[in-house]
Amino acid sequence: MLQNLEIDNIDRKILAILTEDAKTPYSEIAKRIYVSGGTVHVRMKKLEYMGIVKGSTLIIDLAKLGYDLTAYLGVYLRSGSVYNTVIKELELIPQVLEAHYTTGVYSIFIKIVCKNTQELRDVLNEKIQAIPGVQRTETILSLEESIKRSIALNIIA
């Protein structure tokens, strides 16, 4: 099906354009990089097949929907052997947006959003800290998200 499973400058240009605006039509991308719309379509299928592109994301301003509080939690586990079980439980909590297995003092570092401090307290006490294997957590409140971006594809060699 897909013979060339390496990325080249055309693939990088397509990714750079879509990173700026994921809603850019393939026909517009094709015009900007001087290829056919079919080429863009085939290249995108190849990038998906290779696992480089894993779908697209809709960015929602959560504060405008009432989620005014973003917090980061450092999670200490009783032992590393409970990691998979804890992650499965964290996946069930809608306020958990990200979870990272980390080195350093925390076993897991997570990002959560809540509507207010009461919801944060409930999520912490009744959900996260109640997960078997969680020893304790440390909470860091975000006052402002100043930078949010993807890697600039022009710096990837």
N, C-alpha and C. Protein backbone atom coordinates (compact mmCIF):
# COMPACT_ATOMS: atom_id res chain seq x y z
N MET A 1 0.83 -1.19 0.00
CA MET A 1 0.00 0.00 0.00
C MET A 1 0.87 1.26 0.00
N LEU A 2 1.56 1.52 1.11
CA LEU A 2 2.41 2.70 1.19
C LEU A 2 3.86 2.25 1.09
N GLN A 3 4.52 2.64 0.01
CA GLN A 3 5.86 2.13 -0.23
C GLN A 3 6.93 2.96 0.46
N ASN A 4 6.87 4.27 0.38
CA ASN A 4 7.91 5.12 0.95
C ASN A 4 7.55 5.49 2.39
N LEU A 5 8.15 4.78 3.33
CA LEU A 5 7.83 5.04 4.73
C LEU A 5 8.90 5.90 5.42
N GLU A 6 9.39 6.86 4.68
CA GLU A 6 10.30 7.86 5.24
C GLU A 6 9.65 9.22 5.02
N ILE A 7 9.95 10.16 5.91
CA ILE A 7 9.40 11.49 5.69
C ILE A 7 10.43 12.36 4.98
N ASP A 8 9.94 13.26 4.15
CA ASP A 8 10.82 14.14 3.39
C ASP A 8 10.36 15.58 3.60
N ASN A 9 10.92 16.49 2.81
CA ASN A 9 10.58 17.91 2.97
C ASN A 9 9.12 18.22 2.66
N ILE A 10 8.53 17.49 1.72
CA ILE A 10 7.10 17.70 1.44
C ILE A 10 6.27 17.33 2.66
N ASP A 11 6.57 16.19 3.27
CA ASP A 11 5.86 15.78 4.48
C ASP A 11 6.03 16.83 5.58
N ARG A 12 7.26 17.33 5.75
CA ARG A 12 7.54 18.33 6.78
C ARG A 12 6.75 19.62 6.52
N LYS A 13 6.66 20.02 5.26
CA LYS A 13 5.91 21.23 4.91
C LYS A 13 4.43 21.05 5.21
N ILE A 14 3.91 19.89 4.87
CA ILE A 14 2.49 19.60 5.16
C ILE A 14 2.25 19.67 6.66
N LEU A 15 3.12 19.02 7.44
CA LEU A 15 2.97 19.03 8.90
C LEU A 15 3.10 20.44 9.47
N ALA A 16 4.04 21.23 8.93
CA ALA A 16 4.22 22.60 9.43
C ALA A 16 2.96 23.42 9.21
N ILE A 17 2.35 23.30 8.04
CA ILE A 17 1.13 24.05 7.74
C ILE A 17 -0.01 23.60 8.65
N LEU A 18 -0.17 22.29 8.82
CA LEU A 18 -1.26 21.79 9.65
C LEU A 18 -1.02 22.07 11.14
N THR A 19 0.23 22.18 11.55
CA THR A 19 0.52 22.53 12.94
C THR A 19 0.08 23.96 13.22
N GLU A 20 0.22 24.83 12.23
CA GLU A 20 -0.23 26.22 12.37
C GLU A 20 -1.75 26.30 12.41
N ASP A 21 -2.41 25.53 11.52
CA ASP A 21 -3.87 25.53 11.44
C ASP A 21 -4.33 24.18 10.92
N ALA A 22 -4.80 23.34 11.81
CA ALA A 22 -5.19 21.97 11.45
C ALA A 22 -6.40 21.92 10.52
N LYS A 23 -7.11 23.05 10.37
CA LYS A 23 -8.28 23.07 9.49
C LYS A 23 -7.95 23.47 8.06
N THR A 24 -6.67 23.67 7.76
CA THR A 24 -6.28 24.05 6.40
C THR A 24 -6.67 22.95 5.43
N PRO A 25 -7.46 23.29 4.40
CA PRO A 25 -7.85 22.26 3.43
C PRO A 25 -6.63 21.73 2.66
N TYR A 26 -6.70 20.46 2.31
CA TYR A 26 -5.62 19.85 1.54
C TYR A 26 -5.37 20.60 0.25
N SER A 27 -6.42 21.11 -0.38
CA SER A 27 -6.26 21.85 -1.65
C SER A 27 -5.41 23.11 -1.44
N GLU A 28 -5.60 23.78 -0.29
CA GLU A 28 -4.80 24.98 -0.02
C GLU A 28 -3.36 24.61 0.28
N ILE A 29 -3.17 23.54 1.03
CA ILE A 29 -1.81 23.07 1.31
C ILE A 29 -1.10 22.75 0.00
N ALA A 30 -1.80 22.07 -0.88
CA ALA A 30 -1.23 21.68 -2.18
C ALA A 30 -0.78 22.91 -2.96
N LYS A 31 -1.59 23.96 -2.98
CA LYS A 31 -1.22 25.18 -3.69
C LYS A 31 0.02 25.82 -3.07
N ARG A 32 0.08 25.82 -1.76
CA ARG A 32 1.19 26.49 -1.07
C ARG A 32 2.51 25.77 -1.25
N ILE A 33 2.47 24.46 -1.42
CA ILE A 33 3.74 23.72 -1.56
C ILE A 33 3.94 23.15 -2.96
N TYR A 34 3.06 23.54 -3.89
CA TYR A 34 3.20 23.20 -5.32
C TYR A 34 3.16 21.70 -5.59
N VAL A 35 2.15 21.04 -5.02
CA VAL A 35 1.88 19.63 -5.32
C VAL A 35 0.37 19.50 -5.53
N SER A 36 -0.08 18.32 -5.90
CA SER A 36 -1.52 18.12 -6.10
C SER A 36 -2.21 17.84 -4.76
N GLY A 37 -3.51 18.07 -4.74
CA GLY A 37 -4.30 17.74 -3.54
C GLY A 37 -4.23 16.26 -3.23
N GLY A 38 -4.19 15.44 -4.26
CA GLY A 38 -4.06 13.99 -4.06
C GLY A 38 -2.76 13.62 -3.38
N THR A 39 -1.69 14.34 -3.72
CA THR A 39 -0.40 14.09 -3.07
C THR A 39 -0.49 14.38 -1.58
N VAL A 40 -1.12 15.49 -1.23
CA VAL A 40 -1.27 15.83 0.19
C VAL A 40 -2.08 14.74 0.90
N HIS A 41 -3.15 14.31 0.27
CA HIS A 41 -4.00 13.27 0.86
C HIS A 41 -3.19 11.98 1.09
N VAL A 42 -2.46 11.54 0.07
CA VAL A 42 -1.66 10.31 0.19
C VAL A 42 -0.58 10.47 1.26
N ARG A 43 0.05 11.64 1.28
CA ARG A 43 1.10 11.88 2.29
C ARG A 43 0.52 11.85 3.70
N MET A 44 -0.66 12.41 3.88
CA MET A 44 -1.29 12.39 5.20
C MET A 44 -1.64 10.97 5.62
N LYS A 45 -2.13 10.18 4.69
CA LYS A 45 -2.43 8.77 5.00
C LYS A 45 -1.15 8.05 5.41
N LYS A 46 -0.05 8.33 4.72
CA LYS A 46 1.24 7.72 5.05
C LYS A 46 1.67 8.13 6.46
N LEU A 47 1.56 9.41 6.77
CA LEU A 47 1.96 9.91 8.10
C LEU A 47 1.10 9.32 9.21
N GLU A 48 -0.18 9.10 8.91
CA GLU A 48 -1.06 8.43 9.89
C GLU A 48 -0.65 6.97 10.05
N TYR A 49 -0.39 6.29 8.96
CA TYR A 49 0.02 4.89 8.99
C TYR A 49 1.32 4.72 9.78
N MET A 50 2.24 5.66 9.61
CA MET A 50 3.53 5.61 10.32
C MET A 50 3.39 5.97 11.80
N GLY A 51 2.23 6.51 12.19
CA GLY A 51 2.03 6.90 13.59
C GLY A 51 2.56 8.28 13.91
N ILE A 52 2.99 9.02 12.90
CA ILE A 52 3.48 10.38 13.13
C ILE A 52 2.30 11.31 13.39
N VAL A 53 1.25 11.15 12.61
CA VAL A 53 0.01 11.90 12.82
C VAL A 53 -0.97 10.95 13.49
N LYS A 54 -1.48 11.38 14.64
CA LYS A 54 -2.38 10.53 15.41
C LYS A 54 -3.75 11.17 15.54
N GLY A 55 -4.21 11.81 14.49
CA GLY A 55 -5.51 12.46 14.53
C GLY A 55 -5.35 13.95 14.61
N SER A 56 -6.43 14.63 14.86
CA SER A 56 -6.40 16.08 15.02
C SER A 56 -7.13 16.43 16.31
N THR A 57 -6.86 17.61 16.80
CA THR A 57 -7.40 18.01 18.09
C THR A 57 -8.14 19.33 17.97
N LEU A 58 -9.24 19.41 18.64
CA LEU A 58 -9.99 20.65 18.74
C LEU A 58 -9.55 21.34 20.02
N ILE A 59 -9.11 22.57 19.93
CA ILE A 59 -8.66 23.30 21.11
C ILE A 59 -9.82 24.13 21.63
N ILE A 60 -10.20 23.88 22.86
CA ILE A 60 -11.34 24.55 23.48
C ILE A 60 -10.82 25.45 24.60
N ASP A 61 -11.31 26.65 24.69
CA ASP A 61 -10.97 27.54 25.79
C ASP A 61 -11.81 27.11 26.99
N LEU A 62 -11.23 26.27 27.83
CA LEU A 62 -11.97 25.69 28.95
C LEU A 62 -12.45 26.73 29.95
N ALA A 63 -11.71 27.82 30.10
CA ALA A 63 -12.13 28.88 31.02
C ALA A 63 -13.46 29.47 30.60
N LYS A 64 -13.70 29.56 29.30
CA LYS A 64 -14.97 30.11 28.81
C LYS A 64 -16.13 29.14 29.04
N LEU A 65 -15.81 27.90 29.37
CA LEU A 65 -16.84 26.91 29.70
C LEU A 65 -16.95 26.71 31.22
N GLY A 66 -16.26 27.58 31.96
CA GLY A 66 -16.38 27.53 33.41
C GLY A 66 -15.27 26.77 34.12
N TYR A 67 -14.31 26.24 33.40
CA TYR A 67 -13.19 25.54 34.04
C TYR A 67 -12.06 26.54 34.25
N ASP A 68 -12.14 27.26 35.37
CA ASP A 68 -11.22 28.37 35.63
C ASP A 68 -9.95 27.96 36.34
N LEU A 69 -9.86 26.71 36.78
CA LEU A 69 -8.73 26.30 37.59
C LEU A 69 -7.96 25.17 36.92
N THR A 70 -6.68 25.42 36.66
CA THR A 70 -5.79 24.39 36.14
C THR A 70 -4.77 24.09 37.23
N ALA A 71 -4.57 22.82 37.48
CA ALA A 71 -3.62 22.42 38.51
C ALA A 71 -2.75 21.29 37.99
N TYR A 72 -1.57 21.23 38.51
CA TYR A 72 -0.64 20.14 38.21
C TYR A 72 -0.43 19.38 39.51
N LEU A 73 -0.49 18.07 39.43
CA LEU A 73 -0.33 17.25 40.63
C LEU A 73 0.86 16.33 40.47
N GLY A 74 1.72 16.37 41.45
CA GLY A 74 2.78 15.38 41.55
C GLY A 74 2.21 14.25 42.38
N VAL A 75 2.23 13.05 41.85
CA VAL A 75 1.65 11.90 42.53
C VAL A 75 2.77 10.96 42.98
N TYR A 76 2.77 10.66 44.26
CA TYR A 76 3.70 9.69 44.82
C TYR A 76 2.98 8.35 44.91
N LEU A 77 3.59 7.31 44.40
CA LEU A 77 3.00 5.97 44.48
C LEU A 77 3.66 5.18 45.61
N ARG A 78 2.90 4.23 46.18
CA ARG A 78 3.46 3.35 47.21
C ARG A 78 4.59 2.51 46.65
N SER A 79 4.46 2.10 45.38
CA SER A 79 5.52 1.37 44.69
C SER A 79 5.29 1.50 43.19
N GLY A 80 6.35 1.30 42.44
CA GLY A 80 6.25 1.40 40.98
C GLY A 80 5.34 0.35 40.38
N SER A 81 5.13 -0.74 41.09
CA SER A 81 4.32 -1.84 40.55
C SER A 81 2.84 -1.48 40.41
N VAL A 82 2.38 -0.41 41.04
CA VAL A 82 0.97 -0.02 40.96
C VAL A 82 0.71 0.99 39.85
N TYR A 83 1.76 1.37 39.12
CA TYR A 83 1.63 2.43 38.11
C TYR A 83 0.49 2.15 37.13
N ASN A 84 0.47 0.99 36.50
CA ASN A 84 -0.55 0.70 35.48
C ASN A 84 -1.96 0.74 36.05
N THR A 85 -2.13 0.25 37.25
CA THR A 85 -3.44 0.27 37.90
C THR A 85 -3.88 1.70 38.18
N VAL A 86 -2.95 2.52 38.68
CA VAL A 86 -3.27 3.92 39.00
C VAL A 86 -3.62 4.68 37.72
N ILE A 87 -2.87 4.46 36.66
CA ILE A 87 -3.15 5.15 35.38
C ILE A 87 -4.55 4.79 34.88
N LYS A 88 -4.93 3.54 34.99
CA LYS A 88 -6.28 3.14 34.55
C LYS A 88 -7.35 3.87 35.35
N GLU A 89 -7.12 4.06 36.62
CA GLU A 89 -8.08 4.79 37.46
C GLU A 89 -8.09 6.29 37.10
N LEU A 90 -6.91 6.86 36.84
CA LEU A 90 -6.84 8.27 36.46
C LEU A 90 -7.56 8.53 35.14
N GLU A 91 -7.52 7.56 34.23
CA GLU A 91 -8.21 7.71 32.95
C GLU A 91 -9.71 7.86 33.13
N LEU A 92 -10.26 7.39 34.23
CA LEU A 92 -11.70 7.46 34.49
C LEU A 92 -12.14 8.80 35.06
N ILE A 93 -11.19 9.65 35.40
CA ILE A 93 -11.50 10.95 36.00
C ILE A 93 -11.49 12.00 34.89
N PRO A 94 -12.65 12.56 34.54
CA PRO A 94 -12.72 13.48 33.39
C PRO A 94 -11.87 14.73 33.54
N GLN A 95 -11.62 15.17 34.74
CA GLN A 95 -10.82 16.39 34.95
C GLN A 95 -9.34 16.18 34.67
N VAL A 96 -8.89 14.93 34.60
CA VAL A 96 -7.48 14.64 34.31
C VAL A 96 -7.27 14.75 32.81
N LEU A 97 -6.47 15.72 32.40
CA LEU A 97 -6.21 15.94 30.98
C LEU A 97 -4.95 15.26 30.49
N GLU A 98 -3.93 15.18 31.33
CA GLU A 98 -2.65 14.58 30.96
C GLU A 98 -2.09 13.84 32.16
N ALA A 99 -1.32 12.80 31.88
CA ALA A 99 -0.58 12.09 32.92
C ALA A 99 0.76 11.67 32.33
N HIS A 100 1.81 11.93 33.07
CA HIS A 100 3.17 11.61 32.61
C HIS A 100 3.87 10.77 33.66
N TYR A 101 4.47 9.68 33.22
CA TYR A 101 5.33 8.84 34.08
C TYR A 101 6.68 9.54 34.12
N THR A 102 7.16 9.91 35.29
CA THR A 102 8.31 10.79 35.38
C THR A 102 9.45 10.22 36.21
N THR A 103 10.59 10.85 36.04
CA THR A 103 11.71 10.61 36.93
C THR A 103 11.67 11.70 37.99
N GLY A 104 12.50 11.61 38.98
CA GLY A 104 12.54 12.65 40.01
C GLY A 104 11.67 12.27 41.19
N VAL A 105 11.16 13.27 41.87
CA VAL A 105 10.45 13.01 43.12
C VAL A 105 9.06 12.42 42.93
N TYR A 106 8.41 12.73 41.81
CA TYR A 106 7.06 12.22 41.57
C TYR A 106 7.12 10.98 40.69
N SER A 107 6.19 10.07 40.92
CA SER A 107 6.05 8.92 40.02
C SER A 107 5.24 9.32 38.80
N ILE A 108 4.20 10.12 39.02
CA ILE A 108 3.31 10.57 37.96
C ILE A 108 3.09 12.07 38.14
N PHE A 109 3.07 12.78 37.02
CA PHE A 109 2.77 14.21 37.04
C PHE A 109 1.54 14.40 36.17
N ILE A 110 0.47 14.96 36.72
CA ILE A 110 -0.77 15.09 35.97
C ILE A 110 -1.24 16.54 35.90
N LYS A 111 -2.02 16.79 34.85
CA LYS A 111 -2.65 18.10 34.66
C LYS A 111 -4.15 17.89 34.78
N ILE A 112 -4.78 18.70 35.62
CA ILE A 112 -6.23 18.61 35.77
C ILE A 112 -6.85 20.00 35.63
N VAL A 113 -8.11 20.02 35.23
CA VAL A 113 -8.87 21.27 35.20
C VAL A 113 -10.13 21.08 36.04
N CYS A 114 -10.49 22.13 36.74
CA CYS A 114 -11.69 22.12 37.58
C CYS A 114 -12.40 23.46 37.45
N LYS A 115 -13.67 23.46 37.82
CA LYS A 115 -14.44 24.70 37.75
C LYS A 115 -14.07 25.67 38.87
N ASN A 116 -13.68 25.11 40.02
CA ASN A 116 -13.36 25.96 41.17
C ASN A 116 -12.57 25.15 42.20
N THR A 117 -12.24 25.79 43.31
CA THR A 117 -11.43 25.10 44.33
C THR A 117 -12.21 23.97 45.01
N GLN A 118 -13.52 24.11 45.13
CA GLN A 118 -14.31 23.03 45.73
C GLN A 118 -14.23 21.77 44.86
N GLU A 119 -14.37 21.93 43.55
CA GLU A 119 -14.26 20.77 42.66
C GLU A 119 -12.85 20.18 42.73
N LEU A 120 -11.84 21.04 42.80
CA LEU A 120 -10.46 20.54 42.93
C LEU A 120 -10.31 19.72 44.20
N ARG A 121 -10.85 20.21 45.30
CA ARG A 121 -10.79 19.49 46.57
C ARG A 121 -11.49 18.13 46.44
N ASP A 122 -12.65 18.12 45.81
CA ASP A 122 -13.39 16.86 45.63
C ASP A 122 -12.62 15.88 44.76
N VAL A 123 -12.06 16.37 43.66
CA VAL A 123 -11.28 15.49 42.77
C VAL A 123 -10.08 14.92 43.51
N LEU A 124 -9.41 15.77 44.27
CA LEU A 124 -8.23 15.31 45.02
C LEU A 124 -8.61 14.29 46.08
N ASN A 125 -9.53 14.68 46.95
CA ASN A 125 -9.85 13.85 48.12
C ASN A 125 -10.66 12.60 47.79
N GLU A 126 -11.66 12.75 46.93
CA GLU A 126 -12.58 11.64 46.69
C GLU A 126 -12.18 10.75 45.53
N LYS A 127 -11.34 11.26 44.63
CA LYS A 127 -10.99 10.47 43.46
C LYS A 127 -9.51 10.10 43.43
N ILE A 128 -8.64 11.07 43.29
CA ILE A 128 -7.22 10.76 43.08
C ILE A 128 -6.58 10.14 44.31
N GLN A 129 -6.74 10.77 45.46
CA GLN A 129 -6.10 10.24 46.66
C GLN A 129 -6.77 8.97 47.17
N ALA A 130 -7.95 8.66 46.65
CA ALA A 130 -8.64 7.42 47.03
C ALA A 130 -8.22 6.23 46.17
N ILE A 131 -7.41 6.46 45.14
CA ILE A 131 -6.96 5.37 44.28
C ILE A 131 -5.96 4.50 45.06
N PRO A 132 -6.21 3.20 45.13
CA PRO A 132 -5.25 2.32 45.82
C PRO A 132 -3.88 2.41 45.16
N GLY A 133 -2.86 2.61 45.98
CA GLY A 133 -1.51 2.73 45.48
C GLY A 133 -0.99 4.16 45.48
N VAL A 134 -1.91 5.15 45.55
CA VAL A 134 -1.48 6.54 45.64
C VAL A 134 -1.12 6.82 47.09
N GLN A 135 0.12 7.19 47.31
CA GLN A 135 0.59 7.48 48.66
C GLN A 135 0.21 8.89 49.09
N ARG A 136 0.52 9.86 48.22
CA ARG A 136 0.15 11.25 48.48
C ARG A 136 0.33 12.05 47.21
N THR A 137 -0.14 13.30 47.24
CA THR A 137 -0.02 14.19 46.08
C THR A 137 0.48 15.55 46.53
N GLU A 138 1.05 16.27 45.61
CA GLU A 138 1.41 17.67 45.81
C GLU A 138 0.76 18.46 44.68
N THR A 139 0.11 19.56 45.01
CA THR A 139 -0.65 20.33 44.04
C THR A 139 0.02 21.66 43.75
N ILE A 140 0.11 21.99 42.47
CA ILE A 140 0.63 23.27 42.02
C ILE A 140 -0.47 23.92 41.18
N LEU A 141 -0.90 25.11 41.56
CA LEU A 141 -1.94 25.81 40.80
C LEU A 141 -1.31 26.65 39.70
N SER A 142 -1.91 26.62 38.54
CA SER A 142 -1.46 27.44 37.42
C SER A 142 -2.19 28.77 37.48
N LEU A 143 -1.45 29.86 37.47
CA LEU A 143 -2.06 31.18 37.47
C LEU A 143 -2.34 31.67 36.05
N GLU A 144 -1.54 31.19 35.08
CA GLU A 144 -1.72 31.60 33.70
C GLU A 144 -0.92 30.67 32.80
N GLU A 145 -1.52 30.30 31.67
CA GLU A 145 -0.78 29.55 30.65
C GLU A 145 -0.20 30.57 29.69
N SER A 146 1.10 30.74 29.71
CA SER A 146 1.74 31.78 28.92
C SER A 146 2.19 31.29 27.55
N ILE A 147 2.58 30.03 27.45
CA ILE A 147 3.03 29.46 26.18
C ILE A 147 2.38 28.10 26.02
N LYS A 148 1.81 27.87 24.83
CA LYS A 148 1.29 26.55 24.50
C LYS A 148 1.48 26.39 23.00
N ARG A 149 2.31 25.45 22.62
CA ARG A 149 2.60 25.27 21.21
C ARG A 149 3.12 23.87 20.96
N SER A 150 3.19 23.55 19.71
CA SER A 150 3.82 22.32 19.27
C SER A 150 5.25 22.66 18.86
N ILE A 151 6.07 21.67 18.68
CA ILE A 151 7.44 21.91 18.25
C ILE A 151 7.41 22.52 16.85
N ALA A 152 8.25 23.48 16.61
CA ALA A 152 8.35 24.09 15.28
C ALA A 152 9.02 23.07 14.35
N LEU A 153 8.32 22.64 13.34
CA LEU A 153 8.82 21.58 12.49
C LEU A 153 10.02 21.98 11.65
N ASN A 154 10.26 23.28 11.53
CA ASN A 154 11.44 23.69 10.75
C ASN A 154 12.74 23.46 11.50
N ILE A 155 12.66 23.13 12.81
CA ILE A 155 13.90 22.85 13.54
C ILE A 155 14.20 21.36 13.62
N ILE A 156 13.27 20.53 13.14
CA ILE A 156 13.49 19.09 13.14
C ILE A 156 14.26 18.73 11.88
N ALA A 157 15.41 18.14 12.06
CA ALA A 157 16.25 17.79 10.89
C ALA A 157 15.81 16.50 10.26
